[in-house]
Amino acid sequence: MNNKLRVSQIIIALCLITLILNIGLAQTPVASPKRKPVNNTKEITIVITKDL
């Protein structure tokens, strides 16, 4: 049980980090023309869950 809890916490932490990074990138003027923060986080979470 403890391992599953730790893994889920790591996933949540990574998702939060990617969300924060994507929001930060979306706010920069360079990335604004092609901003897809939501899609990126979905893809990243899918990749993370596949690895587990």
C-alpha atoms as a PDB file:
ATOM      1  CA  MET A   1       0.000   0.000   0.000  1.00  0.00           C
ATOM      2  CA  ASN A   2       2.753   2.458   0.896  1.00  0.00           C
ATOM      3  CA  ASN A   3       4.439   2.039  -2.499  1.00  0.00           C
ATOM      4  CA  LYS A   4       1.184   2.730  -4.365  1.00  0.00           C
ATOM      5  CA  LEU A   5       0.592   5.817  -2.227  1.00  0.00           C
ATOM      6  CA  ARG A   6       4.105   7.089  -2.908  1.00  0.00           C
ATOM      7  CA  VAL A   7       3.752   6.475  -6.651  1.00  0.00           C
ATOM      8  CA  SER A   8       0.445   8.346  -6.802  1.00  0.00           C
ATOM      9  CA  GLN A   9       1.973  11.238  -4.859  1.00  0.00           C
ATOM     10  CA  ILE A  10       4.873  11.375  -7.340  1.00  0.00           C
ATOM     11  CA  ILE A  11       2.417  11.387 -10.263  1.00  0.00           C
ATOM     12  CA  ILE A  12       0.395  14.198  -8.681  1.00  0.00           C
ATOM     13  CA  ALA A  13       3.562  16.177  -7.998  1.00  0.00           C
ATOM     14  CA  LEU A  14       4.769  15.742 -11.589  1.00  0.00           C
ATOM     15  CA  CYS A  15       1.367  16.755 -12.941  1.00  0.00           C
ATOM     16  CA  LEU A  16       1.382  19.884 -10.779  1.00  0.00           C
ATOM     17  CA  ILE A  17       4.919  20.740 -11.891  1.00  0.00           C
ATOM     18  CA  THR A  18       4.022  20.315 -15.566  1.00  0.00           C
ATOM     19  CA  LEU A  19       0.857  22.373 -15.086  1.00  0.00           C
ATOM     20  CA  ILE A  20       2.807  25.181 -13.434  1.00  0.00           C
ATOM     21  CA  LEU A  21       5.470  25.054 -16.154  1.00  0.00           C
ATOM     22  CA  ASN A  22       2.838  25.066 -18.912  1.00  0.00           C
ATOM     23  CA  ILE A  23       1.009  28.011 -17.352  1.00  0.00           C
ATOM     24  CA  GLY A  24       4.322  29.847 -17.070  1.00  0.00           C
ATOM     25  CA  LEU A  25       5.132  29.087 -20.708  1.00  0.00           C
ATOM     26  CA  ALA A  26       1.652  30.133 -21.833  1.00  0.00           C
ATOM     27  CA  GLN A  27       2.124  33.530 -20.163  1.00  0.00           C
ATOM     28  CA  THR A  28       5.392  34.226 -22.008  1.00  0.00           C
ATOM     29  CA  PRO A  29       4.854  36.154 -25.261  1.00  0.00           C
ATOM     30  CA  VAL A  30       6.962  33.695 -27.275  1.00  0.00           C
ATOM     31  CA  ALA A  31       4.769  30.679 -26.528  1.00  0.00           C
ATOM     32  CA  SER A  32       1.425  32.486 -26.771  1.00  0.00           C
ATOM     33  CA  PRO A  33       0.744  31.803 -30.495  1.00  0.00           C
ATOM     34  CA  LYS A  34       0.844  28.034 -29.978  1.00  0.00           C
ATOM     35  CA  ARG A  35      -0.302  27.550 -26.389  1.00  0.00           C
ATOM     36  CA  LYS A  36      -1.728  24.124 -25.595  1.00  0.00           C
ATOM     37  CA  PRO A  37      -1.090  23.778 -21.847  1.00  0.00           C
ATOM     38  CA  VAL A  38      -3.954  21.351 -21.204  1.00  0.00           C
ATOM     39  CA  ASN A  39      -3.070  18.939 -24.011  1.00  0.00           C
ATOM     40  CA  ASN A  40       0.578  18.811 -22.930  1.00  0.00           C
ATOM     41  CA  THR A  41      -0.284  17.876 -19.359  1.00  0.00           C
ATOM     42  CA  LYS A  42      -2.692  15.179 -20.565  1.00  0.00           C
ATOM     43  CA  GLU A  43      -0.003  13.663 -22.783  1.00  0.00           C
ATOM     44  CA  ILE A  44       2.580  13.820 -19.994  1.00  0.00           C
ATOM     45  CA  THR A  45       0.241  12.135 -17.490  1.00  0.00           C
ATOM     46  CA  ILE A  46      -0.524   9.389 -20.038  1.00  0.00           C
ATOM     47  CA  VAL A  47       3.207   8.809 -20.536  1.00  0.00           C
ATOM     48  CA  ILE A  48       3.801   8.685 -16.771  1.00  0.00           C
ATOM     49  CA  THR A  49       0.966   6.216 -16.184  1.00  0.00           C
ATOM     50  CA  LYS A  50       2.163   3.987 -19.073  1.00  0.00           C
ATOM     51  CA  ASP A  51       5.635   3.810 -17.522  1.00  0.00           C
ATOM     52  CA  LEU A  52       4.132   2.495 -14.277  1.00  0.00           C
END
